[in-house]
N, C-alpha and C. Protein backbone atom coordinates (compact mmCIF):
# COMPACT_ATOMS: atom_id res chain seq x y z
N MET A 1 21.78 24.63 1.72
CA MET A 1 21.57 24.50 0.32
C MET A 1 20.14 23.97 0.08
N SER A 2 19.55 24.31 -1.06
CA SER A 2 18.21 23.84 -1.34
C SER A 2 18.13 23.29 -2.76
N GLN A 3 17.04 22.61 -3.02
CA GLN A 3 16.78 22.04 -4.33
C GLN A 3 15.32 22.29 -4.69
N SER A 4 15.03 22.30 -5.96
CA SER A 4 13.67 22.52 -6.44
C SER A 4 13.02 21.16 -6.69
N ILE A 5 11.85 20.96 -6.11
CA ILE A 5 11.11 19.70 -6.22
C ILE A 5 9.79 19.95 -6.92
N LYS A 6 9.47 19.06 -7.85
CA LYS A 6 8.20 19.11 -8.56
C LYS A 6 7.69 17.68 -8.68
N LEU A 7 6.46 17.44 -8.25
CA LEU A 7 5.89 16.11 -8.31
C LEU A 7 4.37 16.19 -8.30
N THR A 8 3.73 15.05 -8.38
CA THR A 8 2.27 15.00 -8.32
C THR A 8 1.90 14.15 -7.12
N ILE A 9 1.05 14.70 -6.27
CA ILE A 9 0.59 13.98 -5.08
C ILE A 9 -0.93 13.95 -5.09
N ASN A 10 -1.47 12.74 -5.07
CA ASN A 10 -2.92 12.54 -5.09
C ASN A 10 -3.57 13.29 -6.25
N ASN A 11 -2.94 13.17 -7.41
CA ASN A 11 -3.40 13.78 -8.67
C ASN A 11 -3.35 15.30 -8.68
N GLN A 12 -2.61 15.91 -7.77
CA GLN A 12 -2.44 17.35 -7.73
C GLN A 12 -0.97 17.68 -7.99
N ALA A 13 -0.72 18.56 -8.95
CA ALA A 13 0.65 18.99 -9.23
C ALA A 13 1.16 19.80 -8.04
N VAL A 14 2.37 19.53 -7.65
CA VAL A 14 3.01 20.22 -6.54
C VAL A 14 4.36 20.74 -7.02
N GLY A 15 4.55 22.03 -6.85
CA GLY A 15 5.85 22.60 -7.17
C GLY A 15 5.88 23.28 -8.51
N PRO A 16 7.04 23.78 -8.81
CA PRO A 16 8.29 23.56 -8.08
C PRO A 16 8.31 24.28 -6.72
N ILE A 17 8.88 23.56 -5.74
CA ILE A 17 9.05 24.08 -4.38
C ILE A 17 10.51 23.90 -4.02
N ASP A 18 11.11 24.93 -3.47
CA ASP A 18 12.49 24.83 -2.98
C ASP A 18 12.47 24.22 -1.59
N VAL A 19 13.22 23.16 -1.42
CA VAL A 19 13.34 22.50 -0.12
C VAL A 19 14.81 22.32 0.21
N GLY A 20 15.09 22.30 1.48
CA GLY A 20 16.47 22.11 1.92
C GLY A 20 16.97 20.71 1.65
N ASP A 21 18.26 20.58 1.46
CA ASP A 21 18.87 19.26 1.27
C ASP A 21 18.64 18.42 2.53
N GLY A 22 18.45 17.13 2.32
CA GLY A 22 18.30 16.22 3.44
C GLY A 22 16.91 16.12 4.02
N ILE A 23 15.93 16.76 3.40
CA ILE A 23 14.56 16.69 3.90
C ILE A 23 13.99 15.32 3.54
N MET A 24 13.52 14.60 4.54
CA MET A 24 12.88 13.32 4.28
C MET A 24 11.48 13.56 3.72
N MET A 25 10.99 12.64 2.92
CA MET A 25 9.68 12.80 2.30
C MET A 25 8.57 12.96 3.34
N ILE A 26 8.66 12.24 4.45
CA ILE A 26 7.64 12.35 5.49
C ILE A 26 7.57 13.79 6.00
N GLU A 27 8.71 14.41 6.17
CA GLU A 27 8.76 15.80 6.63
C GLU A 27 8.18 16.73 5.56
N PHE A 28 8.49 16.48 4.30
CA PHE A 28 7.95 17.29 3.21
C PHE A 28 6.42 17.20 3.19
N LEU A 29 5.89 15.98 3.30
CA LEU A 29 4.43 15.80 3.31
C LEU A 29 3.79 16.57 4.47
N HIS A 30 4.36 16.44 5.65
CA HIS A 30 3.79 17.07 6.85
C HIS A 30 3.99 18.58 6.87
N GLU A 31 5.22 19.01 6.70
CA GLU A 31 5.57 20.42 6.93
C GLU A 31 5.34 21.33 5.74
N TYR A 32 5.50 20.84 4.55
CA TYR A 32 5.35 21.67 3.36
C TYR A 32 3.94 21.60 2.78
N LEU A 33 3.29 20.43 2.92
CA LEU A 33 1.99 20.22 2.26
C LEU A 33 0.83 20.00 3.22
N ASN A 34 1.11 19.90 4.50
CA ASN A 34 0.09 19.65 5.52
C ASN A 34 -0.67 18.35 5.25
N LEU A 35 -0.01 17.38 4.67
CA LEU A 35 -0.58 16.04 4.49
C LEU A 35 -0.05 15.18 5.63
N THR A 36 -0.81 15.10 6.70
CA THR A 36 -0.34 14.45 7.92
C THR A 36 -0.89 13.05 8.13
N GLY A 37 -1.60 12.51 7.15
CA GLY A 37 -2.14 11.16 7.27
C GLY A 37 -1.05 10.10 7.27
N THR A 38 0.03 10.33 6.55
CA THR A 38 1.16 9.41 6.54
C THR A 38 1.88 9.58 7.87
N LYS A 39 2.03 8.50 8.59
CA LYS A 39 2.55 8.59 9.96
C LYS A 39 4.03 8.27 10.06
N PHE A 40 4.70 8.99 10.94
CA PHE A 40 6.09 8.74 11.28
C PHE A 40 6.08 7.76 12.45
N GLY A 41 6.59 6.56 12.21
CA GLY A 41 6.60 5.56 13.27
C GLY A 41 7.97 5.39 13.88
N CYS A 42 8.82 4.63 13.20
CA CYS A 42 10.11 4.27 13.76
C CYS A 42 11.25 5.18 13.32
N GLY A 43 11.13 5.78 12.15
CA GLY A 43 12.20 6.62 11.63
C GLY A 43 13.36 5.83 11.05
N ALA A 44 13.22 4.51 10.98
CA ALA A 44 14.29 3.66 10.46
C ALA A 44 13.82 2.76 9.32
N GLY A 45 12.60 2.96 8.86
CA GLY A 45 12.09 2.19 7.74
C GLY A 45 11.64 0.78 8.10
N VAL A 46 11.48 0.51 9.37
CA VAL A 46 11.15 -0.84 9.82
C VAL A 46 9.64 -1.05 9.96
N CYS A 47 8.92 -0.08 10.47
CA CYS A 47 7.51 -0.30 10.82
C CYS A 47 6.54 -0.14 9.66
N HIS A 48 6.92 0.58 8.62
CA HIS A 48 6.12 0.78 7.41
C HIS A 48 4.90 1.68 7.61
N ALA A 49 4.79 2.37 8.72
CA ALA A 49 3.67 3.30 8.92
C ALA A 49 3.71 4.44 7.91
N CYS A 50 4.89 4.77 7.43
CA CYS A 50 5.09 5.93 6.56
C CYS A 50 5.00 5.60 5.07
N THR A 51 4.51 4.42 4.74
CA THR A 51 4.46 3.96 3.36
C THR A 51 3.53 4.79 2.50
N VAL A 52 4.00 5.15 1.30
CA VAL A 52 3.17 5.79 0.28
C VAL A 52 3.29 4.95 -0.99
N ILE A 53 2.42 5.23 -1.96
CA ILE A 53 2.46 4.53 -3.24
C ILE A 53 3.08 5.47 -4.27
N VAL A 54 4.03 4.94 -5.05
CA VAL A 54 4.64 5.68 -6.14
C VAL A 54 4.22 4.97 -7.44
N ASP A 55 3.59 5.72 -8.33
CA ASP A 55 3.10 5.18 -9.60
C ASP A 55 4.04 5.57 -10.72
N ASP A 56 4.29 4.63 -11.64
CA ASP A 56 5.10 4.96 -12.80
C ASP A 56 4.23 5.19 -14.03
N GLU A 57 4.85 5.55 -15.12
CA GLU A 57 4.12 5.91 -16.34
C GLU A 57 3.38 4.72 -16.95
N GLN A 58 3.81 3.50 -16.66
CA GLN A 58 3.17 2.31 -17.21
C GLN A 58 2.00 1.82 -16.36
N GLY A 59 1.65 2.55 -15.32
CA GLY A 59 0.55 2.15 -14.46
C GLY A 59 0.93 1.17 -13.37
N MET A 60 2.21 0.91 -13.22
CA MET A 60 2.68 0.03 -12.16
C MET A 60 2.97 0.89 -10.93
N SER A 61 2.89 0.27 -9.77
CA SER A 61 3.14 1.02 -8.55
C SER A 61 4.06 0.24 -7.63
N GLU A 62 4.69 0.98 -6.75
CA GLU A 62 5.51 0.38 -5.70
C GLU A 62 5.25 1.15 -4.42
N VAL A 63 5.41 0.47 -3.30
CA VAL A 63 5.27 1.15 -2.02
C VAL A 63 6.65 1.55 -1.56
N VAL A 64 6.73 2.76 -1.02
CA VAL A 64 8.02 3.31 -0.61
C VAL A 64 7.85 3.94 0.77
N ARG A 65 8.80 3.71 1.64
CA ARG A 65 8.77 4.31 2.97
C ARG A 65 9.34 5.72 2.90
N THR A 66 8.67 6.65 3.55
CA THR A 66 9.04 8.06 3.45
C THR A 66 9.94 8.55 4.57
N CYS A 67 10.12 7.76 5.62
CA CYS A 67 10.97 8.22 6.72
C CYS A 67 12.44 8.01 6.42
N ILE A 68 12.76 7.15 5.45
CA ILE A 68 14.16 6.86 5.13
C ILE A 68 14.54 7.29 3.72
N ASN A 69 13.61 7.94 3.03
CA ASN A 69 13.88 8.40 1.67
C ASN A 69 13.70 9.91 1.59
N GLY A 70 14.73 10.55 1.10
CA GLY A 70 14.67 12.00 0.93
C GLY A 70 13.70 12.40 -0.16
N VAL A 71 13.20 13.62 -0.06
CA VAL A 71 12.22 14.12 -1.01
C VAL A 71 12.77 14.10 -2.44
N GLU A 72 14.07 14.19 -2.61
CA GLU A 72 14.65 14.20 -3.95
C GLU A 72 14.37 12.89 -4.70
N ARG A 73 14.22 11.79 -3.98
CA ARG A 73 13.89 10.51 -4.64
C ARG A 73 12.54 10.57 -5.34
N PHE A 74 11.66 11.43 -4.88
CA PHE A 74 10.30 11.51 -5.39
C PHE A 74 10.13 12.62 -6.43
N ASN A 75 11.20 13.36 -6.70
CA ASN A 75 11.14 14.45 -7.67
C ASN A 75 10.69 13.92 -9.04
N GLY A 76 9.65 14.53 -9.58
CA GLY A 76 9.12 14.14 -10.88
C GLY A 76 8.20 12.94 -10.86
N LYS A 77 7.91 12.38 -9.69
CA LYS A 77 7.11 11.16 -9.57
C LYS A 77 5.65 11.48 -9.26
N ARG A 78 4.82 10.44 -9.40
CA ARG A 78 3.40 10.48 -9.01
C ARG A 78 3.26 9.69 -7.72
N ILE A 79 2.76 10.35 -6.68
CA ILE A 79 2.66 9.77 -5.35
C ILE A 79 1.20 9.70 -4.92
N ARG A 80 0.85 8.65 -4.21
CA ARG A 80 -0.46 8.58 -3.55
C ARG A 80 -0.25 8.38 -2.07
N THR A 81 -0.89 9.23 -1.28
CA THR A 81 -0.87 9.10 0.17
C THR A 81 -2.24 8.63 0.62
N VAL A 82 -2.38 8.35 1.89
CA VAL A 82 -3.65 7.88 2.42
C VAL A 82 -4.78 8.89 2.19
N GLU A 83 -4.44 10.17 2.10
CA GLU A 83 -5.46 11.19 1.86
C GLU A 83 -6.05 11.11 0.46
N GLY A 84 -5.39 10.41 -0.45
CA GLY A 84 -5.82 10.39 -1.84
C GLY A 84 -6.70 9.22 -2.25
N HIS A 85 -7.08 8.36 -1.34
CA HIS A 85 -7.83 7.16 -1.72
C HIS A 85 -9.35 7.35 -1.74
N ALA A 86 -9.89 8.07 -0.81
CA ALA A 86 -11.34 8.25 -0.75
C ALA A 86 -11.82 9.17 -1.86
N LYS A 87 -13.04 8.95 -2.30
CA LYS A 87 -13.64 9.84 -3.31
C LYS A 87 -14.12 11.10 -2.62
N GLN A 88 -13.93 12.24 -3.30
CA GLN A 88 -14.34 13.54 -2.75
C GLN A 88 -15.18 14.28 -3.76
N ASN A 89 -16.05 15.16 -3.24
CA ASN A 89 -16.83 16.02 -4.13
C ASN A 89 -16.03 17.29 -4.43
N ALA A 90 -16.63 18.20 -5.16
CA ALA A 90 -15.96 19.43 -5.58
C ALA A 90 -15.53 20.29 -4.39
N GLN A 91 -16.21 20.16 -3.27
CA GLN A 91 -15.86 20.93 -2.07
C GLN A 91 -14.79 20.25 -1.22
N GLY A 92 -14.33 19.09 -1.68
CA GLY A 92 -13.30 18.38 -0.94
C GLY A 92 -13.84 17.49 0.17
N GLU A 93 -15.16 17.33 0.23
CA GLU A 93 -15.76 16.47 1.25
C GLU A 93 -15.72 15.02 0.79
N ILE A 94 -15.43 14.12 1.70
CA ILE A 94 -15.37 12.70 1.36
C ILE A 94 -16.78 12.19 1.11
N THR A 95 -16.96 11.55 -0.04
CA THR A 95 -18.26 11.00 -0.40
C THR A 95 -18.27 9.47 -0.34
N ALA A 96 -17.11 8.85 -0.45
CA ALA A 96 -17.02 7.39 -0.36
C ALA A 96 -15.59 6.99 -0.04
N LEU A 97 -15.43 6.03 0.85
CA LEU A 97 -14.12 5.50 1.15
C LEU A 97 -13.70 4.54 0.04
N SER A 98 -12.41 4.31 -0.08
CA SER A 98 -11.93 3.30 -1.02
C SER A 98 -12.35 1.93 -0.50
N PRO A 99 -12.34 0.90 -1.35
CA PRO A 99 -12.70 -0.43 -0.86
C PRO A 99 -11.82 -0.90 0.31
N VAL A 100 -10.54 -0.61 0.26
CA VAL A 100 -9.65 -1.00 1.36
C VAL A 100 -10.03 -0.25 2.63
N GLN A 101 -10.22 1.05 2.55
CA GLN A 101 -10.60 1.82 3.73
C GLN A 101 -11.93 1.32 4.29
N GLN A 102 -12.87 1.04 3.41
CA GLN A 102 -14.19 0.59 3.84
C GLN A 102 -14.11 -0.76 4.55
N THR A 103 -13.36 -1.69 3.99
CA THR A 103 -13.26 -3.00 4.64
C THR A 103 -12.53 -2.91 5.97
N PHE A 104 -11.52 -2.05 6.07
CA PHE A 104 -10.85 -1.87 7.36
C PHE A 104 -11.81 -1.29 8.39
N LEU A 105 -12.64 -0.37 7.98
CA LEU A 105 -13.64 0.21 8.88
C LEU A 105 -14.66 -0.85 9.30
N GLU A 106 -15.17 -1.60 8.35
CA GLU A 106 -16.17 -2.64 8.65
C GLU A 106 -15.63 -3.72 9.59
N HIS A 107 -14.35 -4.03 9.48
CA HIS A 107 -13.73 -5.05 10.33
C HIS A 107 -13.09 -4.45 11.58
N PHE A 108 -13.24 -3.15 11.76
CA PHE A 108 -12.58 -2.42 12.85
C PHE A 108 -11.14 -2.90 12.98
N SER A 109 -10.42 -2.82 11.88
CA SER A 109 -9.06 -3.34 11.79
C SER A 109 -8.07 -2.56 12.64
N PHE A 110 -8.28 -1.29 12.79
CA PHE A 110 -7.34 -0.44 13.49
C PHE A 110 -7.74 -0.28 14.95
N GLN A 111 -6.75 0.02 15.78
CA GLN A 111 -7.02 0.36 17.16
C GLN A 111 -6.63 1.82 17.36
N CYS A 112 -5.35 2.10 17.55
CA CYS A 112 -4.95 3.50 17.71
C CYS A 112 -4.90 4.21 16.36
N GLY A 113 -4.71 3.45 15.27
CA GLY A 113 -4.71 4.02 13.93
C GLY A 113 -3.37 4.51 13.43
N TRP A 114 -2.33 4.45 14.24
CA TRP A 114 -1.05 5.00 13.82
C TRP A 114 -0.49 4.26 12.61
N CYS A 115 -0.65 2.96 12.55
CA CYS A 115 -0.11 2.16 11.45
C CYS A 115 -1.04 2.10 10.25
N THR A 116 -2.26 2.59 10.39
CA THR A 116 -3.30 2.38 9.38
C THR A 116 -2.94 2.94 8.02
N SER A 117 -2.32 4.10 7.95
CA SER A 117 -1.99 4.67 6.63
C SER A 117 -1.06 3.74 5.86
N GLY A 118 -0.11 3.14 6.52
CA GLY A 118 0.78 2.19 5.86
C GLY A 118 0.05 0.95 5.39
N PHE A 119 -0.84 0.44 6.24
CA PHE A 119 -1.64 -0.73 5.86
C PHE A 119 -2.56 -0.40 4.68
N VAL A 120 -3.17 0.78 4.69
CA VAL A 120 -4.07 1.17 3.59
C VAL A 120 -3.30 1.25 2.28
N ASN A 121 -2.15 1.90 2.30
CA ASN A 121 -1.38 2.04 1.06
C ASN A 121 -0.85 0.70 0.56
N GLU A 122 -0.30 -0.09 1.43
CA GLU A 122 0.22 -1.40 1.02
C GLU A 122 -0.92 -2.29 0.51
N SER A 123 -2.05 -2.27 1.18
CA SER A 123 -3.20 -3.08 0.78
C SER A 123 -3.79 -2.61 -0.54
N THR A 124 -3.81 -1.31 -0.76
CA THR A 124 -4.28 -0.76 -2.03
C THR A 124 -3.38 -1.23 -3.17
N ALA A 125 -2.08 -1.17 -2.96
CA ALA A 125 -1.14 -1.64 -3.98
C ALA A 125 -1.32 -3.14 -4.22
N LEU A 126 -1.60 -3.90 -3.18
CA LEU A 126 -1.85 -5.33 -3.32
C LEU A 126 -3.09 -5.59 -4.18
N ILE A 127 -4.17 -4.89 -3.89
CA ILE A 127 -5.40 -5.06 -4.67
C ILE A 127 -5.13 -4.73 -6.15
N GLU A 128 -4.39 -3.69 -6.41
CA GLU A 128 -4.08 -3.32 -7.79
C GLU A 128 -3.23 -4.39 -8.49
N ARG A 129 -2.31 -5.00 -7.75
CA ARG A 129 -1.52 -6.10 -8.34
C ARG A 129 -2.42 -7.29 -8.66
N LEU A 130 -3.36 -7.59 -7.76
CA LEU A 130 -4.26 -8.72 -7.99
C LEU A 130 -5.23 -8.45 -9.13
N GLU A 131 -5.57 -7.20 -9.37
CA GLU A 131 -6.43 -6.87 -10.52
C GLU A 131 -5.71 -7.21 -11.82
N ARG A 132 -4.39 -7.01 -11.84
CA ARG A 132 -3.60 -7.32 -13.04
C ARG A 132 -3.25 -8.80 -13.13
N LYS A 133 -3.05 -9.43 -11.97
CA LYS A 133 -2.63 -10.83 -11.95
C LYS A 133 -3.33 -11.55 -10.80
N PRO A 134 -4.54 -12.06 -11.04
CA PRO A 134 -5.28 -12.76 -9.99
C PRO A 134 -4.53 -13.99 -9.49
N ILE A 135 -4.88 -14.42 -8.30
CA ILE A 135 -4.22 -15.56 -7.66
C ILE A 135 -5.25 -16.65 -7.35
N ALA A 136 -4.76 -17.84 -7.07
CA ALA A 136 -5.62 -18.94 -6.64
C ALA A 136 -6.16 -18.62 -5.24
N LYS A 137 -7.39 -19.00 -4.99
CA LYS A 137 -7.99 -18.76 -3.67
C LYS A 137 -7.18 -19.38 -2.54
N ASP A 138 -6.55 -20.50 -2.83
CA ASP A 138 -5.73 -21.17 -1.81
C ASP A 138 -4.52 -20.35 -1.40
N ASN A 139 -4.13 -19.38 -2.21
CA ASN A 139 -2.94 -18.58 -1.93
C ASN A 139 -3.23 -17.24 -1.26
N VAL A 140 -4.50 -16.93 -1.01
CA VAL A 140 -4.87 -15.61 -0.50
C VAL A 140 -4.16 -15.28 0.80
N GLU A 141 -4.19 -16.16 1.77
CA GLU A 141 -3.58 -15.86 3.07
C GLU A 141 -2.08 -15.62 2.94
N GLN A 142 -1.40 -16.42 2.12
CA GLN A 142 0.04 -16.25 1.94
C GLN A 142 0.36 -14.93 1.24
N VAL A 143 -0.43 -14.56 0.25
CA VAL A 143 -0.22 -13.30 -0.47
C VAL A 143 -0.41 -12.12 0.47
N ILE A 144 -1.40 -12.20 1.34
CA ILE A 144 -1.62 -11.14 2.33
C ILE A 144 -0.43 -11.07 3.28
N GLU A 145 0.02 -12.20 3.76
CA GLU A 145 1.18 -12.24 4.66
C GLU A 145 2.42 -11.66 3.97
N ASP A 146 2.62 -12.02 2.72
CA ASP A 146 3.77 -11.51 1.98
C ASP A 146 3.71 -9.99 1.84
N ALA A 147 2.52 -9.45 1.61
CA ALA A 147 2.36 -8.01 1.40
C ALA A 147 2.41 -7.23 2.71
N LEU A 148 1.77 -7.74 3.75
CA LEU A 148 1.61 -6.97 4.98
C LEU A 148 2.52 -7.41 6.12
N GLY A 149 3.26 -8.49 5.91
CA GLY A 149 4.03 -9.10 6.98
C GLY A 149 5.08 -8.23 7.63
N GLU A 150 5.60 -7.24 6.93
CA GLU A 150 6.63 -6.38 7.54
C GLU A 150 6.06 -5.15 8.23
N HIS A 151 4.76 -4.95 8.12
CA HIS A 151 4.13 -3.80 8.79
C HIS A 151 4.01 -4.09 10.28
N VAL A 152 4.29 -3.06 11.08
CA VAL A 152 4.23 -3.20 12.52
C VAL A 152 3.00 -2.49 13.05
N CYS A 153 2.21 -3.22 13.82
CA CYS A 153 1.08 -2.66 14.54
C CYS A 153 1.37 -2.86 16.02
N ARG A 154 1.59 -1.80 16.72
CA ARG A 154 1.96 -1.92 18.13
C ARG A 154 0.77 -2.29 19.01
N CYS A 155 -0.43 -2.17 18.46
CA CYS A 155 -1.64 -2.56 19.21
C CYS A 155 -2.01 -4.01 18.94
N THR A 156 -1.22 -4.70 18.15
CA THR A 156 -1.44 -6.08 17.74
C THR A 156 -2.77 -6.28 17.03
N GLY A 157 -3.06 -5.41 16.08
CA GLY A 157 -4.29 -5.51 15.31
C GLY A 157 -4.14 -6.30 14.03
N TYR A 158 -3.06 -7.04 13.89
CA TYR A 158 -2.80 -7.75 12.64
C TYR A 158 -3.96 -8.63 12.19
N VAL A 159 -4.53 -9.38 13.11
CA VAL A 159 -5.58 -10.34 12.76
C VAL A 159 -6.72 -9.64 12.04
N LYS A 160 -7.11 -8.48 12.49
CA LYS A 160 -8.24 -7.77 11.86
C LYS A 160 -7.86 -7.18 10.50
N TYR A 161 -6.64 -6.68 10.35
CA TYR A 161 -6.20 -6.20 9.04
C TYR A 161 -6.19 -7.36 8.04
N TYR A 162 -5.61 -8.46 8.45
CA TYR A 162 -5.50 -9.63 7.57
C TYR A 162 -6.88 -10.17 7.23
N ALA A 163 -7.76 -10.28 8.22
CA ALA A 163 -9.12 -10.79 7.97
C ALA A 163 -9.89 -9.87 7.03
N ALA A 164 -9.71 -8.58 7.20
CA ALA A 164 -10.38 -7.61 6.33
C ALA A 164 -9.90 -7.77 4.89
N MET A 165 -8.60 -7.91 4.71
CA MET A 165 -8.06 -8.07 3.36
C MET A 165 -8.49 -9.40 2.74
N LYS A 166 -8.52 -10.45 3.53
CA LYS A 166 -8.97 -11.75 3.01
C LYS A 166 -10.42 -11.63 2.54
N ASP A 167 -11.24 -11.02 3.34
CA ASP A 167 -12.65 -10.82 2.98
C ASP A 167 -12.77 -10.00 1.69
N LEU A 168 -12.04 -8.90 1.62
CA LEU A 168 -12.11 -8.03 0.44
C LEU A 168 -11.64 -8.76 -0.82
N ILE A 169 -10.53 -9.46 -0.72
CA ILE A 169 -9.99 -10.18 -1.88
C ILE A 169 -10.97 -11.25 -2.35
N LEU A 170 -11.51 -12.02 -1.43
CA LEU A 170 -12.39 -13.12 -1.81
C LEU A 170 -13.74 -12.64 -2.34
N LYS A 171 -14.21 -11.49 -1.90
CA LYS A 171 -15.52 -11.03 -2.37
C LYS A 171 -15.43 -10.10 -3.59
N THR A 172 -14.22 -9.69 -3.97
CA THR A 172 -14.07 -8.81 -5.12
C THR A 172 -13.81 -9.64 -6.37
N GLU A 173 -14.72 -9.56 -7.30
CA GLU A 173 -14.60 -10.33 -8.53
C GLU A 173 -13.33 -9.97 -9.29
N GLY A 174 -12.66 -10.98 -9.79
CA GLY A 174 -11.49 -10.78 -10.62
C GLY A 174 -10.15 -10.79 -9.90
N LEU A 175 -10.16 -10.86 -8.56
CA LEU A 175 -8.90 -10.87 -7.82
C LEU A 175 -8.36 -12.28 -7.59
N THR A 176 -9.28 -13.25 -7.64
CA THR A 176 -8.87 -14.65 -7.49
C THR A 176 -9.34 -15.44 -8.71
N LEU A 177 -8.66 -16.54 -8.93
CA LEU A 177 -9.02 -17.44 -10.03
C LEU A 177 -10.11 -18.39 -9.55
N SER A 178 -10.95 -18.81 -10.43
CA SER A 178 -12.05 -19.72 -10.07
C SER A 178 -11.54 -21.06 -9.65
């Protein structure tokens, strides 16, 4: 049996596309759309490598794991994957990384890179939350831990991801209170 799916991914309308019942979103991204930046890690929703951002009509976002959620959950939604963060020119060439991607690169946060897409998406959502509701500088490390603490990096690169985010949050005006 199949179902018709229509959604927006990285500001591009997708569908309607007929997909089989039981297709996980990670499989839809990889096999139907060739968006392979979102990584399949554990397949049980534990490692968070497969995290994408789902935006609602009010401009709020949530992070959702794609290995444990069927594509039907995303029907009619606006999704952002790791491929959608960098700025591109008309030819599709990357002209600038997002602030999160840039800080991860500058801090060499990743090792093998398998977990990076999940960290980028979760960190992007965190920055957006802080833009709406800044925090005290004393709370930065705890807020980072709360946001990224469930992500698994098998190369043990946590320290560099966390340091990169702390640096980005503290140097970006408006994310912390004076």
